[in-house]
Full PDB file with SEQRES, HELIX, SHEET, SSBOND, CRYST1, ORIGX, SCALE, CONECT and MASTER records, all heavy atoms in Angstrom:
SEQRES   1 A   32  VAL LEU VAL ASN ASN ALA GLY VAL VAL SER GLY HIS HIS          
SEQRES   2 A   32  LEU LEU GLU CYS PRO ASP GLU LEU ILE GLU ARG THR MET          
SEQRES   3 A   32  MET VAL ASN CYS HIS ALA                                      
HELIX    1 AA1 LEU A   14  GLU A   16  5                                   3    
HELIX    2 AA2 ASP A   19  MET A   26  1                                   8    
HELIX    3 AA3 MET A   27  HIS A   31  3                                   5    
CRYST1    1.000    1.000    1.000  90.00  90.00  90.00 P 1           1          
ORIGX1      1.000000  0.000000  0.000000        0.00000                         
ORIGX2      0.000000  1.000000  0.000000        0.00000                         
ORIGX3      0.000000  0.000000  1.000000        0.00000                         
SCALE1      1.000000  0.000000  0.000000        0.00000                         
SCALE2      0.000000  1.000000  0.000000        0.00000                         
SCALE3      0.000000  0.000000  1.000000        0.00000                         
ATOM      1  N   VAL A   1       2.900  20.671  26.004  1.00  0.00           N  
ATOM      2  CA  VAL A   1       2.391  19.444  25.394  1.00  0.00           C  
ATOM      3  C   VAL A   1       2.638  19.539  23.897  1.00  0.00           C  
ATOM      4  O   VAL A   1       2.291  20.542  23.271  1.00  0.00           O  
ATOM      5  CB  VAL A   1       0.866  19.272  25.654  1.00  0.00           C  
ATOM      6  CG1 VAL A   1       0.330  18.058  24.918  1.00  0.00           C  
ATOM      7  CG2 VAL A   1       0.588  19.172  27.137  1.00  0.00           C  
ATOM      8  N   LEU A   2       3.225  18.498  23.333  1.00  0.00           N  
ATOM      9  CA  LEU A   2       3.490  18.456  21.900  1.00  0.00           C  
ATOM     10  C   LEU A   2       2.696  17.323  21.283  1.00  0.00           C  
ATOM     11  O   LEU A   2       2.807  16.177  21.731  1.00  0.00           O  
ATOM     12  CB  LEU A   2       4.987  18.244  21.647  1.00  0.00           C  
ATOM     13  CG  LEU A   2       5.398  17.897  20.221  1.00  0.00           C  
ATOM     14  CD1 LEU A   2       5.062  19.033  19.262  1.00  0.00           C  
ATOM     15  CD2 LEU A   2       6.881  17.574  20.166  1.00  0.00           C  
ATOM     16  N   VAL A   3       1.891  17.642  20.282  1.00  0.00           N  
ATOM     17  CA  VAL A   3       1.189  16.617  19.521  1.00  0.00           C  
ATOM     18  C   VAL A   3       1.850  16.571  18.153  1.00  0.00           C  
ATOM     19  O   VAL A   3       1.633  17.447  17.312  1.00  0.00           O  
ATOM     20  CB  VAL A   3      -0.323  16.917  19.398  1.00  0.00           C  
ATOM     21  CG1 VAL A   3      -1.004  15.837  18.569  1.00  0.00           C  
ATOM     22  CG2 VAL A   3      -0.957  17.028  20.776  1.00  0.00           C  
ATOM     23  N   ASN A   4       2.689  15.566  17.968  1.00  0.00           N  
ATOM     24  CA  ASN A   4       3.426  15.377  16.718  1.00  0.00           C  
ATOM     25  C   ASN A   4       2.517  14.607  15.770  1.00  0.00           C  
ATOM     26  O   ASN A   4       2.488  13.385  15.776  1.00  0.00           O  
ATOM     27  CB  ASN A   4       4.694  14.575  17.007  1.00  0.00           C  
ATOM     28  CG  ASN A   4       5.938  15.319  16.639  1.00  0.00           C  
ATOM     29  OD1 ASN A   4       5.917  16.207  15.798  1.00  0.00           O  
ATOM     30  ND2 ASN A   4       7.026  14.947  17.265  1.00  0.00           N  
ATOM     31  N   ASN A   5       1.768  15.324  14.948  1.00  0.00           N  
ATOM     32  CA  ASN A   5       0.690  14.723  14.193  1.00  0.00           C  
ATOM     33  C   ASN A   5       0.898  14.751  12.681  1.00  0.00           C  
ATOM     34  O   ASN A   5       0.209  14.055  11.965  1.00  0.00           O  
ATOM     35  CB  ASN A   5      -0.609  15.461  14.565  1.00  0.00           C  
ATOM     36  CG  ASN A   5      -1.786  14.932  13.819  1.00  0.00           C  
ATOM     37  OD1 ASN A   5      -2.253  13.863  14.111  1.00  0.00           O  
ATOM     38  ND2 ASN A   5      -2.242  15.668  12.833  1.00  0.00           N  
ATOM     39  N   ALA A   6       1.812  15.543  12.180  1.00  0.00           N  
ATOM     40  CA  ALA A   6       2.007  15.635  10.730  1.00  0.00           C  
ATOM     41  C   ALA A   6       2.339  14.265  10.160  1.00  0.00           C  
ATOM     42  O   ALA A   6       3.029  13.472  10.790  1.00  0.00           O  
ATOM     43  CB  ALA A   6       3.125  16.621  10.410  1.00  0.00           C  
ATOM     44  N   GLY A   7       1.841  13.984   8.970  1.00  0.00           N  
ATOM     45  CA  GLY A   7       2.132  12.693   8.356  1.00  0.00           C  
ATOM     46  C   GLY A   7       1.890  12.701   6.866  1.00  0.00           C  
ATOM     47  O   GLY A   7       1.115  13.502   6.350  1.00  0.00           O  
ATOM     48  N   VAL A   8       2.575  11.808   6.186  1.00  0.00           N  
ATOM     49  CA  VAL A   8       2.440  11.630   4.744  1.00  0.00           C  
ATOM     50  C   VAL A   8       1.872  10.239   4.502  1.00  0.00           C  
ATOM     51  O   VAL A   8       2.351   9.264   5.083  1.00  0.00           O  
ATOM     52  CB  VAL A   8       3.811  11.759   4.039  1.00  0.00           C  
ATOM     53  CG1 VAL A   8       3.710  11.376   2.569  1.00  0.00           C  
ATOM     54  CG2 VAL A   8       4.365  13.154   4.197  1.00  0.00           C  
ATOM     55  N   VAL A   9       0.862  10.153   3.652  1.00  0.00           N  
ATOM     56  CA  VAL A   9       0.299   8.874   3.231  1.00  0.00           C  
ATOM     57  C   VAL A   9       0.416   8.828   1.714  1.00  0.00           C  
ATOM     58  O   VAL A   9      -0.140   9.684   1.017  1.00  0.00           O  
ATOM     59  CB  VAL A   9      -1.179   8.737   3.663  1.00  0.00           C  
ATOM     60  CG1 VAL A   9      -1.753   7.408   3.196  1.00  0.00           C  
ATOM     61  CG2 VAL A   9      -1.321   8.886   5.168  1.00  0.00           C  
ATOM     62  N   SER A  10       1.138   7.848   1.211  1.00  0.00           N  
ATOM     63  CA  SER A  10       1.400   7.805  -0.236  1.00  0.00           C  
ATOM     64  C   SER A  10       0.207   7.280  -1.022  1.00  0.00           C  
ATOM     65  O   SER A  10      -0.023   7.711  -2.147  1.00  0.00           O  
ATOM     66  CB  SER A  10       2.625   6.941  -0.521  1.00  0.00           C  
ATOM     67  OG  SER A  10       2.332   5.572  -0.300  1.00  0.00           O  
ATOM     68  N   GLY A  11      -0.510   6.322  -0.468  1.00  0.00           N  
ATOM     69  CA  GLY A  11      -1.621   5.718  -1.202  1.00  0.00           C  
ATOM     70  C   GLY A  11      -1.167   4.698  -2.233  1.00  0.00           C  
ATOM     71  O   GLY A  11      -1.972   4.171  -2.992  1.00  0.00           O  
ATOM     72  N   HIS A  12       0.127   4.412  -2.261  1.00  0.00           N  
ATOM     73  CA  HIS A  12       0.681   3.431  -3.204  1.00  0.00           C  
ATOM     74  C   HIS A  12       1.189   2.208  -2.454  1.00  0.00           C  
ATOM     75  O   HIS A  12       1.568   2.300  -1.287  1.00  0.00           O  
ATOM     76  CB  HIS A  12       1.869   4.027  -3.982  1.00  0.00           C  
ATOM     77  CG  HIS A  12       1.538   5.214  -4.812  1.00  0.00           C  
ATOM     78  ND1 HIS A  12       0.809   5.140  -5.964  1.00  0.00           N  
ATOM     79  CD2 HIS A  12       1.854   6.519  -4.654  1.00  0.00           C  
ATOM     80  CE1 HIS A  12       0.686   6.356  -6.491  1.00  0.00           C  
ATOM     81  NE2 HIS A  12       1.306   7.211  -5.696  1.00  0.00           N  
ATOM     82  N   HIS A  13       1.228   1.072  -3.161  1.00  0.00           N  
ATOM     83  CA  HIS A  13       1.913  -0.093  -2.612  1.00  0.00           C  
ATOM     84  C   HIS A  13       3.406   0.217  -2.609  1.00  0.00           C  
ATOM     85  O   HIS A  13       3.906   0.973  -3.441  1.00  0.00           O  
ATOM     86  CB  HIS A  13       1.635  -1.339  -3.458  1.00  0.00           C  
ATOM     87  CG  HIS A  13       0.209  -1.758  -3.428  1.00  0.00           C  
ATOM     88  ND1 HIS A  13      -0.359  -2.373  -2.321  1.00  0.00           N  
ATOM     89  CD2 HIS A  13      -0.780  -1.653  -4.348  1.00  0.00           C  
ATOM     90  CE1 HIS A  13      -1.624  -2.626  -2.575  1.00  0.00           C  
ATOM     91  NE2 HIS A  13      -1.920  -2.193  -3.793  1.00  0.00           N  
ATOM     92  N   LEU A  14       4.128  -0.356  -1.688  1.00  0.00           N  
ATOM     93  CA  LEU A  14       5.549  -0.072  -1.531  1.00  0.00           C  
ATOM     94  C   LEU A  14       6.315  -0.210  -2.843  1.00  0.00           C  
ATOM     95  O   LEU A  14       7.107   0.659  -3.204  1.00  0.00           O  
ATOM     96  CB  LEU A  14       6.158  -0.992  -0.466  1.00  0.00           C  
ATOM     97  CG  LEU A  14       7.652  -0.843  -0.249  1.00  0.00           C  
ATOM     98  CD1 LEU A  14       7.979   0.557   0.277  1.00  0.00           C  
ATOM     99  CD2 LEU A  14       8.173  -1.901   0.702  1.00  0.00           C  
ATOM    100  N   LEU A  15       6.077  -1.277  -3.561  1.00  0.00           N  
ATOM    101  CA  LEU A  15       6.830  -1.509  -4.795  1.00  0.00           C  
ATOM    102  C   LEU A  15       6.431  -0.572  -5.926  1.00  0.00           C  
ATOM    103  O   LEU A  15       7.132  -0.490  -6.927  1.00  0.00           O  
ATOM    104  CB  LEU A  15       6.701  -2.974  -5.230  1.00  0.00           C  
ATOM    105  CG  LEU A  15       7.276  -3.990  -4.233  1.00  0.00           C  
ATOM    106  CD1 LEU A  15       7.058  -5.411  -4.726  1.00  0.00           C  
ATOM    107  CD2 LEU A  15       8.754  -3.721  -3.969  1.00  0.00           C  
ATOM    108  N   GLU A  16       5.325   0.136  -5.772  1.00  0.00           N  
ATOM    109  CA  GLU A  16       4.887   1.106  -6.779  1.00  0.00           C  
ATOM    110  C   GLU A  16       5.263   2.532  -6.396  1.00  0.00           C  
ATOM    111  O   GLU A  16       4.981   3.463  -7.135  1.00  0.00           O  
ATOM    112  CB  GLU A  16       3.372   1.007  -6.963  1.00  0.00           C  
ATOM    113  CG  GLU A  16       2.898  -0.341  -7.468  1.00  0.00           C  
ATOM    114  CD  GLU A  16       1.383  -0.480  -7.396  1.00  0.00           C  
ATOM    115  OE1 GLU A  16       0.703   0.438  -6.904  1.00  0.00           O  
ATOM    116  OE2 GLU A  16       0.881  -1.530  -7.833  1.00  0.00           O  
ATOM    117  N   CYS A  17       5.864   2.704  -5.253  1.00  0.00           N  
ATOM    118  CA  CYS A  17       6.168   4.029  -4.714  1.00  0.00           C  
ATOM    119  C   CYS A  17       7.516   4.518  -5.254  1.00  0.00           C  
ATOM    120  O   CYS A  17       8.520   3.814  -5.140  1.00  0.00           O  
ATOM    121  CB  CYS A  17       6.233   3.927  -3.191  1.00  0.00           C  
ATOM    122  SG  CYS A  17       5.376   5.218  -2.345  1.00  0.00           S  
ATOM    123  N   PRO A  18       7.556   5.725  -5.796  1.00  0.00           N  
ATOM    124  CA  PRO A  18       8.849   6.258  -6.231  1.00  0.00           C  
ATOM    125  C   PRO A  18       9.751   6.523  -5.023  1.00  0.00           C  
ATOM    126  O   PRO A  18       9.281   6.810  -3.925  1.00  0.00           O  
ATOM    127  CB  PRO A  18       8.490   7.562  -6.947  1.00  0.00           C  
ATOM    128  CG  PRO A  18       7.087   7.860  -6.610  1.00  0.00           C  
ATOM    129  CD  PRO A  18       6.451   6.614  -6.079  1.00  0.00           C  
ATOM    130  N   ASP A  19      11.046   6.427  -5.236  1.00  0.00           N  
ATOM    131  CA  ASP A  19      12.015   6.610  -4.160  1.00  0.00           C  
ATOM    132  C   ASP A  19      11.827   7.937  -3.439  1.00  0.00           C  
ATOM    133  O   ASP A  19      11.932   8.003  -2.214  1.00  0.00           O  
ATOM    134  CB  ASP A  19      13.444   6.532  -4.699  1.00  0.00           C  
ATOM    135  CG  ASP A  19      13.801   5.138  -5.174  1.00  0.00           C  
ATOM    136  OD1 ASP A  19      13.074   4.183  -4.828  1.00  0.00           O  
ATOM    137  OD2 ASP A  19      14.819   5.014  -5.891  1.00  0.00           O  
ATOM    138  N   GLU A  20      11.552   9.006  -4.184  1.00  0.00           N  
ATOM    139  CA  GLU A  20      11.393  10.326  -3.582  1.00  0.00           C  
ATOM    140  C   GLU A  20      10.235  10.352  -2.584  1.00  0.00           C  
ATOM    141  O   GLU A  20      10.328  10.988  -1.528  1.00  0.00           O  
ATOM    142  CB  GLU A  20      11.167  11.408  -4.653  1.00  0.00           C  
ATOM    143  CG  GLU A  20      12.332  11.598  -5.596  1.00  0.00           C  
ATOM    144  CD  GLU A  20      12.418  10.526  -6.691  1.00  0.00           C  
ATOM    145  OE1 GLU A  20      11.380   9.882  -7.002  1.00  0.00           O  
ATOM    146  OE2 GLU A  20      13.530  10.317  -7.198  1.00  0.00           O  
ATOM    147  N   LEU A  21       9.165   9.647  -2.906  1.00  0.00           N  
ATOM    148  CA  LEU A  21       8.013   9.607  -2.003  1.00  0.00           C  
ATOM    149  C   LEU A  21       8.315   8.770  -0.763  1.00  0.00           C  
ATOM    150  O   LEU A  21       7.900   9.117   0.346  1.00  0.00           O  
ATOM    151  CB  LEU A  21       6.777   9.086  -2.732  1.00  0.00           C  
ATOM    152  CG  LEU A  21       5.461   9.135  -1.974  1.00  0.00           C  
ATOM    153  CD1 LEU A  21       5.167  10.539  -1.430  1.00  0.00           C  
ATOM    154  CD2 LEU A  21       4.320   8.694  -2.879  1.00  0.00           C  
ATOM    155  N   ILE A  22       9.057   7.699  -0.932  1.00  0.00           N  
ATOM    156  CA  ILE A  22       9.463   6.889   0.225  1.00  0.00           C  
ATOM    157  C   ILE A  22      10.342   7.730   1.147  1.00  0.00           C  
ATOM    158  O   ILE A  22      10.150   7.733   2.370  1.00  0.00           O  
ATOM    159  CB  ILE A  22      10.200   5.614  -0.227  1.00  0.00           C  
ATOM    160  CG1 ILE A  22       9.224   4.670  -0.930  1.00  0.00           C  
ATOM    161  CG2 ILE A  22      10.866   4.915   0.968  1.00  0.00           C  
ATOM    162  CD1 ILE A  22       9.868   3.479  -1.609  1.00  0.00           C  
ATOM    163  N   GLU A  23      11.295   8.462   0.570  1.00  0.00           N  
ATOM    164  CA  GLU A  23      12.167   9.315   1.385  1.00  0.00           C  
ATOM    165  C   GLU A  23      11.370  10.395   2.100  1.00  0.00           C  
ATOM    166  O   GLU A  23      11.588  10.658   3.285  1.00  0.00           O  
ATOM    167  CB  GLU A  23      13.260   9.936   0.517  1.00  0.00           C  
ATOM    168  CG  GLU A  23      14.283   8.929   0.050  1.00  0.00           C  
ATOM    169  CD  GLU A  23      15.277   9.505  -0.945  1.00  0.00           C  
ATOM    170  OE1 GLU A  23      15.034  10.603  -1.502  1.00  0.00           O  
ATOM    171  OE2 GLU A  23      16.310   8.852  -1.161  1.00  0.00           O  
ATOM    172  N   ARG A  24      10.432  11.033   1.411  1.00  0.00           N  
ATOM    173  CA  ARG A  24       9.599  12.075   2.013  1.00  0.00           C  
ATOM    174  C   ARG A  24       8.764  11.492   3.157  1.00  0.00           C  
ATOM    175  O   ARG A  24       8.629  12.102   4.224  1.00  0.00           O  
ATOM    176  CB  ARG A  24       8.693  12.693   0.942  1.00  0.00           C  
ATOM    177  CG  ARG A  24       7.749  13.730   1.457  1.00  0.00           C  
ATOM    178  CD  ARG A  24       8.435  15.052   1.656  1.00  0.00           C  
ATOM    179  NE  ARG A  24       7.483  16.023   2.172  1.00  0.00           N  
ATOM    180  CZ  ARG A  24       7.797  16.951   3.042  1.00  0.00           C  
ATOM    181  NH1 ARG A  24       9.029  17.076   3.462  1.00  0.00           N  
ATOM    182  NH2 ARG A  24       6.899  17.784   3.483  1.00  0.00           N  
ATOM    183  N   THR A  25       8.194  10.322   2.938  1.00  0.00           N  
ATOM    184  CA  THR A  25       7.388   9.661   3.962  1.00  0.00           C  
ATOM    185  C   THR A  25       8.217   9.395   5.210  1.00  0.00           C  
ATOM    186  O   THR A  25       7.772   9.659   6.333  1.00  0.00           O  
ATOM    187  CB  THR A  25       6.794   8.348   3.414  1.00  0.00           C  
ATOM    188  OG1 THR A  25       5.977   8.655   2.281  1.00  0.00           O  
ATOM    189  CG2 THR A  25       5.961   7.633   4.469  1.00  0.00           C  
ATOM    190  N   MET A  26       9.426   8.900   5.030  1.00  0.00           N  
ATOM    191  CA  MET A  26      10.290   8.624   6.183  1.00  0.00           C  
ATOM    192  C   MET A  26      10.682   9.911   6.900  1.00  0.00           C  
ATOM    193  O   MET A  26      10.727   9.945   8.134  1.00  0.00           O  
ATOM    194  CB  MET A  26      11.541   7.859   5.744  1.00  0.00           C  
ATOM    195  CG  MET A  26      11.252   6.421   5.331  1.00  0.00           C  
ATOM    196  SD  MET A  26      10.398   5.464   6.610  1.00  0.00           S  
ATOM    197  CE  MET A  26      11.643   5.424   7.880  1.00  0.00           C  
ATOM    198  N   MET A  27      10.964  10.968   6.156  1.00  0.00           N  
ATOM    199  CA  MET A  27      11.366  12.234   6.778  1.00  0.00           C  
ATOM    200  C   MET A  27      10.226  12.796   7.631  1.00  0.00           C  
ATOM    201  O   MET A  27      10.459  13.252   8.748  1.00  0.00           O  
ATOM    202  CB  MET A  27      11.762  13.261   5.718  1.00  0.00           C  
ATOM    203  CG  MET A  27      13.065  12.946   5.060  1.00  0.00           C  
ATOM    204  SD  MET A  27      14.387  12.877   6.267  1.00  0.00           S  
ATOM    205  CE  MET A  27      15.763  13.257   5.273  1.00  0.00           C  
ATOM    206  N   VAL A  28       9.017  12.765   7.116  1.00  0.00           N  
ATOM    207  CA  VAL A  28       7.883  13.360   7.832  1.00  0.00           C  
ATOM    208  C   VAL A  28       7.333  12.415   8.900  1.00  0.00           C  
ATOM    209  O   VAL A  28       7.052  12.833  10.024  1.00  0.00           O  
ATOM    210  CB  VAL A  28       6.767  13.773   6.844  1.00  0.00           C  
ATOM    211  CG1 VAL A  28       5.517  14.233   7.594  1.00  0.00           C  
ATOM    212  CG2 VAL A  28       7.267  14.873   5.908  1.00  0.00           C  
ATOM    213  N   ASN A  29       7.185  11.143   8.566  1.00  0.00           N  
ATOM    214  CA  ASN A  29       6.526  10.206   9.477  1.00  0.00           C  
ATOM    215  C   ASN A  29       7.459   9.612  10.526  1.00  0.00           C  
ATOM    216  O   ASN A  29       6.986   9.043  11.504  1.00  0.00           O  
ATOM    217  CB  ASN A  29       5.882   9.065   8.691  1.00  0.00           C  
ATOM    218  CG  ASN A  29       4.754   9.540   7.800  1.00  0.00           C  
ATOM    219  OD1 ASN A  29       4.462  10.721   7.720  1.00  0.00           O  
ATOM    220  ND2 ASN A  29       4.124   8.620   7.108  1.00  0.00           N  
ATOM    221  N   CYS A  30       8.748   9.747  10.327  1.00  0.00           N  
ATOM    222  CA  CYS A  30       9.692   9.182  11.289  1.00  0.00           C  
ATOM    223  C   CYS A  30      10.670  10.236  11.811  1.00  0.00           C  
ATOM    224  O   CYS A  30      10.612  10.633  12.964  1.00  0.00           O  
ATOM    225  CB  CYS A  30      10.451   8.020  10.654  1.00  0.00           C  
ATOM    226  SG  CYS A  30      11.649   7.268  11.780  1.00  0.00           S  
ATOM    227  N   HIS A  31      11.551  10.713  10.950  1.00  0.00           N  
ATOM    228  CA  HIS A  31      12.603  11.635  11.382  1.00  0.00           C  
ATOM    229  C   HIS A  31      12.060  12.902  12.024  1.00  0.00           C  
ATOM    230  O   HIS A  31      12.623  13.399  13.010  1.00  0.00           O  
ATOM    231  CB  HIS A  31      13.514  12.006  10.207  1.00  0.00           C  
ATOM    232  CG  HIS A  31      14.213  10.827   9.618  1.00  0.00           C  
ATOM    233  ND1 HIS A  31      14.691  10.820   8.344  1.00  0.00           N  
ATOM    234  CD2 HIS A  31      14.519   9.600  10.130  1.00  0.00           C  
ATOM    235  CE1 HIS A  31      15.262   9.667   8.082  1.00  0.00           C  
ATOM    236  NE2 HIS A  31      15.170   8.895   9.157  1.00  0.00           N  
ATOM    237  N   ALA A  32      10.994  13.434  11.499  1.00  0.00           N  
ATOM    238  CA  ALA A  32      10.428  14.683  12.031  1.00  0.00           C  
ATOM    239  C   ALA A  32      10.059  14.563  13.504  1.00  0.00           C  
ATOM    240  O   ALA A  32      10.165  15.544  14.250  1.00  0.00           O  
ATOM    241  CB  ALA A  32       9.204  15.100  11.219  1.00  0.00           C  
TER     242      ALA A  32                                                      
MASTER        0    0    0    3    0    0    0    6  241    1    0    3          
END                                                                             
C-alpha cells in the first residue's frame, strides 16, 4: 500500500508566487 502524501503549499496567490516555488509545487504535488 502506498500513501503518496507529500505536498507543498506555497501560501501565496498564484500571481505572487515566484517561478521557483511554482516549479517546486508541481514537482512535489504532481510529478512525484
